[in-house]
Amino acid sequence: MLADDVDELMASAPGGNLRLLPGFDPWVLGPGTDDPHVVPRARRARVSKQAGWIAPIVVADGVVRGTWELDESRIQIAWFREAGRPPRAPLDAEVERLAGLLDRTLKVVITRV
């Protein structure tokens, strides 16, 4: 980041966006999974698994709020309990976006973990 841009970034507010990011996404790998601003400490093992596997993640308001897995026709979202109630409309919209990229219909299954 350029020094000239720091003030603008610091003055910005969270955008309220929710995204499904793939495993090994640079958004998590950049700061590392041990950064509690990105991955809550209690959830690090769920995101950073054995043998160096980094799970696909759900990011809301700049923080990892869950993980997800995909099979042929179903997306299983594991939403972290401490993140509150899963925001169904943004989750559905993001799954619809992913389904369009994959050119298939996806059934959403959400569990709170």
N, C-alpha and C. Protein backbone atom coordinates (compact mmCIF):
# COMPACT_ATOMS: atom_id res chain seq x y z
N MET A 1 0.84 -1.16 0.00
CA MET A 1 0.00 0.00 0.00
C MET A 1 0.89 1.23 0.00
N LEU A 2 0.45 2.21 -0.74
CA LEU A 2 1.17 3.47 -0.77
C LEU A 2 0.84 4.29 0.48
N ALA A 3 1.82 4.98 1.00
CA ALA A 3 1.62 5.81 2.20
C ALA A 3 0.52 6.83 1.98
N ASP A 4 0.37 7.32 0.76
CA ASP A 4 -0.67 8.32 0.46
C ASP A 4 -2.08 7.75 0.60
N ASP A 5 -2.22 6.42 0.58
CA ASP A 5 -3.54 5.79 0.63
C ASP A 5 -3.95 5.34 2.03
N VAL A 6 -3.06 5.42 2.99
CA VAL A 6 -3.34 4.90 4.34
C VAL A 6 -4.51 5.61 4.99
N ASP A 7 -4.55 6.93 4.96
CA ASP A 7 -5.63 7.68 5.62
C ASP A 7 -6.99 7.30 5.05
N GLU A 8 -7.08 7.17 3.74
CA GLU A 8 -8.36 6.80 3.11
C GLU A 8 -8.79 5.40 3.55
N LEU A 9 -7.86 4.47 3.60
CA LEU A 9 -8.19 3.11 4.04
C LEU A 9 -8.63 3.11 5.50
N MET A 10 -7.91 3.81 6.35
CA MET A 10 -8.25 3.83 7.77
C MET A 10 -9.61 4.48 8.03
N ALA A 11 -10.03 5.38 7.17
CA ALA A 11 -11.32 6.06 7.34
C ALA A 11 -12.48 5.25 6.76
N SER A 12 -12.20 4.21 6.03
CA SER A 12 -13.27 3.44 5.39
C SER A 12 -13.95 2.51 6.39
N ALA A 13 -15.21 2.24 6.16
CA ALA A 13 -16.00 1.35 7.01
C ALA A 13 -16.16 0.00 6.30
N PRO A 14 -16.37 -1.07 7.08
CA PRO A 14 -16.61 -2.37 6.44
C PRO A 14 -17.79 -2.28 5.48
N GLY A 15 -17.68 -2.99 4.36
CA GLY A 15 -18.70 -2.91 3.31
C GLY A 15 -19.86 -3.86 3.50
N GLY A 16 -19.78 -4.76 4.46
CA GLY A 16 -20.87 -5.69 4.67
C GLY A 16 -20.92 -6.80 3.63
N ASN A 17 -19.85 -6.99 2.90
CA ASN A 17 -19.82 -8.03 1.87
C ASN A 17 -19.62 -9.41 2.45
N LEU A 18 -20.14 -10.39 1.75
CA LEU A 18 -19.95 -11.79 2.11
C LEU A 18 -19.45 -12.50 0.85
N ARG A 19 -18.40 -13.29 0.99
CA ARG A 19 -17.84 -14.02 -0.14
C ARG A 19 -17.48 -15.44 0.26
N LEU A 20 -17.66 -16.33 -0.68
CA LEU A 20 -17.16 -17.69 -0.57
C LEU A 20 -15.82 -17.70 -1.28
N LEU A 21 -14.75 -17.92 -0.55
CA LEU A 21 -13.42 -17.93 -1.14
C LEU A 21 -12.90 -19.36 -1.19
N PRO A 22 -12.11 -19.66 -2.21
CA PRO A 22 -11.61 -21.03 -2.36
C PRO A 22 -10.53 -21.35 -1.33
N GLY A 23 -10.20 -22.62 -1.22
CA GLY A 23 -9.09 -23.04 -0.39
C GLY A 23 -7.82 -22.37 -0.88
N PHE A 24 -6.91 -22.10 0.03
CA PHE A 24 -5.62 -21.49 -0.29
C PHE A 24 -5.76 -20.08 -0.87
N ASP A 25 -6.85 -19.39 -0.57
CA ASP A 25 -7.04 -18.05 -1.10
C ASP A 25 -6.00 -17.08 -0.52
N PRO A 26 -5.43 -16.21 -1.35
CA PRO A 26 -4.43 -15.25 -0.86
C PRO A 26 -4.94 -14.32 0.23
N TRP A 27 -6.25 -14.11 0.31
CA TRP A 27 -6.80 -13.24 1.34
C TRP A 27 -6.47 -13.78 2.73
N VAL A 28 -6.44 -15.10 2.86
CA VAL A 28 -6.09 -15.73 4.14
C VAL A 28 -4.59 -15.99 4.21
N LEU A 29 -4.01 -16.42 3.11
CA LEU A 29 -2.59 -16.76 3.13
C LEU A 29 -1.70 -15.54 3.31
N GLY A 30 -2.14 -14.37 2.82
CA GLY A 30 -1.34 -13.16 2.95
C GLY A 30 -1.01 -12.86 4.40
N PRO A 31 -2.01 -12.62 5.25
CA PRO A 31 -1.71 -12.34 6.66
C PRO A 31 -1.40 -13.63 7.44
N GLY A 32 -1.84 -14.76 6.93
CA GLY A 32 -1.64 -16.03 7.62
C GLY A 32 -2.82 -16.38 8.49
N THR A 33 -3.04 -17.67 8.65
CA THR A 33 -4.20 -18.12 9.43
C THR A 33 -4.04 -17.89 10.92
N ASP A 34 -2.84 -17.49 11.36
CA ASP A 34 -2.68 -17.20 12.79
C ASP A 34 -2.96 -15.73 13.12
N ASP A 35 -3.41 -14.94 12.13
CA ASP A 35 -3.80 -13.55 12.37
C ASP A 35 -5.23 -13.53 12.90
N PRO A 36 -5.44 -13.19 14.17
CA PRO A 36 -6.79 -13.24 14.75
C PRO A 36 -7.75 -12.21 14.18
N HIS A 37 -7.23 -11.21 13.44
CA HIS A 37 -8.10 -10.25 12.78
C HIS A 37 -8.79 -10.87 11.57
N VAL A 38 -8.22 -11.95 11.05
CA VAL A 38 -8.76 -12.61 9.88
C VAL A 38 -9.45 -13.91 10.26
N VAL A 39 -8.74 -14.77 10.98
CA VAL A 39 -9.28 -16.06 11.42
C VAL A 39 -9.33 -16.05 12.95
N PRO A 40 -10.54 -16.13 13.52
CA PRO A 40 -10.61 -16.18 14.99
C PRO A 40 -9.75 -17.33 15.53
N ARG A 41 -9.02 -17.07 16.60
CA ARG A 41 -8.10 -18.07 17.16
C ARG A 41 -8.76 -19.43 17.37
N ALA A 42 -9.96 -19.41 17.91
CA ALA A 42 -10.65 -20.67 18.21
C ALA A 42 -11.00 -21.46 16.95
N ARG A 43 -10.93 -20.83 15.78
CA ARG A 43 -11.32 -21.48 14.51
C ARG A 43 -10.15 -21.78 13.59
N ARG A 44 -8.95 -21.51 14.06
CA ARG A 44 -7.78 -21.70 13.19
C ARG A 44 -7.66 -23.14 12.71
N ALA A 45 -7.89 -24.12 13.58
CA ALA A 45 -7.75 -25.53 13.18
C ALA A 45 -8.79 -25.93 12.14
N ARG A 46 -9.92 -25.26 12.12
CA ARG A 46 -10.95 -25.58 11.13
C ARG A 46 -10.60 -25.00 9.76
N VAL A 47 -9.81 -23.93 9.75
CA VAL A 47 -9.41 -23.29 8.49
C VAL A 47 -8.06 -23.84 8.01
N SER A 48 -7.10 -23.93 8.90
CA SER A 48 -5.76 -24.42 8.56
C SER A 48 -5.65 -25.85 9.08
N LYS A 49 -5.85 -26.79 8.17
CA LYS A 49 -5.92 -28.20 8.56
C LYS A 49 -4.56 -28.88 8.47
N GLN A 50 -4.55 -30.15 8.81
CA GLN A 50 -3.30 -30.93 8.77
C GLN A 50 -2.72 -30.96 7.36
N ALA A 51 -1.44 -31.17 7.30
CA ALA A 51 -0.69 -31.29 6.05
C ALA A 51 -0.75 -30.01 5.21
N GLY A 52 -1.00 -28.87 5.87
CA GLY A 52 -0.98 -27.60 5.16
C GLY A 52 -2.21 -27.26 4.35
N TRP A 53 -3.29 -28.02 4.50
CA TRP A 53 -4.52 -27.76 3.75
C TRP A 53 -5.22 -26.54 4.32
N ILE A 54 -5.57 -25.59 3.46
CA ILE A 54 -6.34 -24.41 3.86
C ILE A 54 -7.74 -24.56 3.26
N ALA A 55 -8.73 -24.62 4.13
CA ALA A 55 -10.11 -24.88 3.72
C ALA A 55 -10.70 -23.70 2.95
N PRO A 56 -11.67 -23.97 2.07
CA PRO A 56 -12.47 -22.89 1.49
C PRO A 56 -13.21 -22.18 2.63
N ILE A 57 -13.31 -20.86 2.55
CA ILE A 57 -13.84 -20.09 3.67
C ILE A 57 -14.99 -19.19 3.26
N VAL A 58 -15.79 -18.84 4.27
CA VAL A 58 -16.83 -17.83 4.12
C VAL A 58 -16.30 -16.59 4.85
N VAL A 59 -16.20 -15.48 4.13
CA VAL A 59 -15.73 -14.23 4.71
C VAL A 59 -16.89 -13.24 4.73
N ALA A 60 -17.15 -12.69 5.90
CA ALA A 60 -18.18 -11.65 6.04
C ALA A 60 -17.58 -10.52 6.85
N ASP A 61 -17.74 -9.32 6.36
CA ASP A 61 -17.21 -8.13 7.04
C ASP A 61 -15.71 -8.26 7.31
N GLY A 62 -14.99 -8.90 6.41
CA GLY A 62 -13.54 -8.99 6.52
C GLY A 62 -13.00 -10.05 7.45
N VAL A 63 -13.88 -10.89 8.01
CA VAL A 63 -13.46 -11.92 8.96
C VAL A 63 -13.98 -13.27 8.49
N VAL A 64 -13.19 -14.31 8.70
CA VAL A 64 -13.64 -15.67 8.37
C VAL A 64 -14.75 -16.04 9.34
N ARG A 65 -15.94 -16.34 8.78
CA ARG A 65 -17.12 -16.67 9.59
C ARG A 65 -17.54 -18.12 9.44
N GLY A 66 -16.86 -18.86 8.55
CA GLY A 66 -17.21 -20.26 8.35
C GLY A 66 -16.36 -20.87 7.25
N THR A 67 -16.64 -22.12 6.97
CA THR A 67 -15.98 -22.85 5.88
C THR A 67 -17.06 -23.44 5.00
N TRP A 68 -16.65 -23.95 3.84
CA TRP A 68 -17.64 -24.56 2.95
C TRP A 68 -16.99 -25.69 2.16
N GLU A 69 -17.85 -26.62 1.73
CA GLU A 69 -17.45 -27.74 0.88
C GLU A 69 -18.47 -27.89 -0.23
N LEU A 70 -18.01 -28.36 -1.34
CA LEU A 70 -18.85 -28.49 -2.52
C LEU A 70 -18.80 -29.92 -3.04
N ASP A 71 -19.97 -30.46 -3.39
CA ASP A 71 -20.00 -31.70 -4.15
C ASP A 71 -20.77 -31.41 -5.43
N GLU A 72 -21.22 -32.40 -6.12
CA GLU A 72 -21.86 -32.18 -7.42
C GLU A 72 -23.02 -31.19 -7.39
N SER A 73 -23.92 -31.34 -6.44
CA SER A 73 -25.13 -30.51 -6.45
C SER A 73 -25.42 -29.84 -5.11
N ARG A 74 -24.48 -29.88 -4.18
CA ARG A 74 -24.74 -29.37 -2.84
C ARG A 74 -23.53 -28.59 -2.33
N ILE A 75 -23.82 -27.50 -1.67
CA ILE A 75 -22.77 -26.75 -0.98
C ILE A 75 -23.10 -26.79 0.51
N GLN A 76 -22.16 -27.30 1.29
CA GLN A 76 -22.31 -27.42 2.73
C GLN A 76 -21.54 -26.28 3.38
N ILE A 77 -22.26 -25.39 4.04
CA ILE A 77 -21.64 -24.25 4.71
C ILE A 77 -21.63 -24.53 6.21
N ALA A 78 -20.45 -24.48 6.80
CA ALA A 78 -20.28 -24.64 8.25
C ALA A 78 -20.08 -23.24 8.82
N TRP A 79 -21.13 -22.67 9.38
CA TRP A 79 -21.13 -21.29 9.89
C TRP A 79 -20.74 -21.31 11.37
N PHE A 80 -19.76 -20.49 11.75
CA PHE A 80 -19.29 -20.46 13.12
C PHE A 80 -20.36 -19.86 14.04
N ARG A 81 -20.68 -20.55 15.11
CA ARG A 81 -21.73 -20.10 16.04
C ARG A 81 -21.49 -18.69 16.57
N GLU A 82 -20.24 -18.39 16.90
CA GLU A 82 -19.94 -17.08 17.47
C GLU A 82 -20.14 -15.94 16.47
N ALA A 83 -20.32 -16.27 15.20
CA ALA A 83 -20.56 -15.25 14.18
C ALA A 83 -22.02 -14.82 14.14
N GLY A 84 -22.84 -15.40 15.01
CA GLY A 84 -24.26 -15.05 15.03
C GLY A 84 -25.05 -15.86 14.04
N ARG A 85 -26.23 -15.39 13.77
CA ARG A 85 -27.12 -16.09 12.84
C ARG A 85 -26.59 -15.97 11.40
N PRO A 86 -26.59 -17.07 10.65
CA PRO A 86 -26.12 -16.99 9.26
C PRO A 86 -26.99 -16.02 8.46
N PRO A 87 -26.39 -15.08 7.75
CA PRO A 87 -27.15 -14.12 6.95
C PRO A 87 -27.64 -14.78 5.65
N ARG A 88 -28.83 -15.28 5.67
CA ARG A 88 -29.32 -16.14 4.61
C ARG A 88 -29.34 -15.48 3.23
N ALA A 89 -29.82 -14.25 3.14
CA ALA A 89 -29.90 -13.61 1.82
C ALA A 89 -28.51 -13.42 1.19
N PRO A 90 -27.52 -12.88 1.92
CA PRO A 90 -26.19 -12.77 1.31
C PRO A 90 -25.56 -14.13 0.99
N LEU A 91 -25.79 -15.12 1.85
CA LEU A 91 -25.27 -16.47 1.55
C LEU A 91 -25.90 -17.03 0.29
N ASP A 92 -27.22 -16.91 0.18
CA ASP A 92 -27.90 -17.41 -1.01
C ASP A 92 -27.42 -16.70 -2.28
N ALA A 93 -27.20 -15.39 -2.18
CA ALA A 93 -26.74 -14.63 -3.34
C ALA A 93 -25.34 -15.07 -3.76
N GLU A 94 -24.48 -15.32 -2.79
CA GLU A 94 -23.12 -15.75 -3.10
C GLU A 94 -23.11 -17.18 -3.67
N VAL A 95 -23.97 -18.04 -3.14
CA VAL A 95 -24.07 -19.40 -3.69
C VAL A 95 -24.61 -19.34 -5.12
N GLU A 96 -25.55 -18.46 -5.37
CA GLU A 96 -26.08 -18.30 -6.72
C GLU A 96 -24.99 -17.82 -7.68
N ARG A 97 -24.15 -16.92 -7.21
CA ARG A 97 -23.03 -16.45 -8.03
C ARG A 97 -22.07 -17.60 -8.35
N LEU A 98 -21.76 -18.40 -7.34
CA LEU A 98 -20.88 -19.56 -7.55
C LEU A 98 -21.52 -20.57 -8.49
N ALA A 99 -22.82 -20.82 -8.31
CA ALA A 99 -23.53 -21.76 -9.18
C ALA A 99 -23.47 -21.30 -10.63
N GLY A 100 -23.59 -20.01 -10.85
CA GLY A 100 -23.50 -19.48 -12.21
C GLY A 100 -22.12 -19.68 -12.81
N LEU A 101 -21.08 -19.50 -12.00
CA LEU A 101 -19.72 -19.72 -12.47
C LEU A 101 -19.49 -21.19 -12.83
N LEU A 102 -20.12 -22.07 -12.06
CA LEU A 102 -19.95 -23.51 -12.27
C LEU A 102 -20.95 -24.08 -13.27
N ASP A 103 -21.93 -23.26 -13.65
CA ASP A 103 -22.99 -23.68 -14.57
C ASP A 103 -23.75 -24.90 -14.06
N ARG A 104 -24.16 -24.81 -12.79
CA ARG A 104 -24.99 -25.87 -12.20
C ARG A 104 -25.80 -25.32 -11.04
N THR A 105 -26.83 -26.02 -10.69
CA THR A 105 -27.67 -25.66 -9.56
C THR A 105 -27.07 -26.25 -8.29
N LEU A 106 -27.07 -25.47 -7.21
CA LEU A 106 -26.52 -25.94 -5.95
C LEU A 106 -27.57 -25.83 -4.85
N LYS A 107 -27.73 -26.89 -4.11
CA LYS A 107 -28.59 -26.88 -2.92
C LYS A 107 -27.73 -26.44 -1.74
N VAL A 108 -28.24 -25.49 -0.97
CA VAL A 108 -27.50 -24.94 0.16
C VAL A 108 -27.89 -25.68 1.44
N VAL A 109 -26.87 -26.14 2.16
CA VAL A 109 -27.06 -26.76 3.48
C VAL A 109 -26.17 -26.00 4.45
N ILE A 110 -26.77 -25.41 5.46
CA ILE A 110 -26.02 -24.63 6.44
C ILE A 110 -26.09 -25.32 7.79
N THR A 111 -24.92 -25.53 8.39
CA THR A 111 -24.87 -26.05 9.75
C THR A 111 -24.11 -25.03 10.59
N ARG A 112 -24.48 -24.94 11.84
CA ARG A 112 -23.76 -24.06 12.76
C ARG A 112 -22.79 -24.93 13.57
N VAL A 113 -21.54 -24.52 13.54
CA VAL A 113 -20.50 -25.31 14.22
C VAL A 113 -19.80 -24.51 15.28
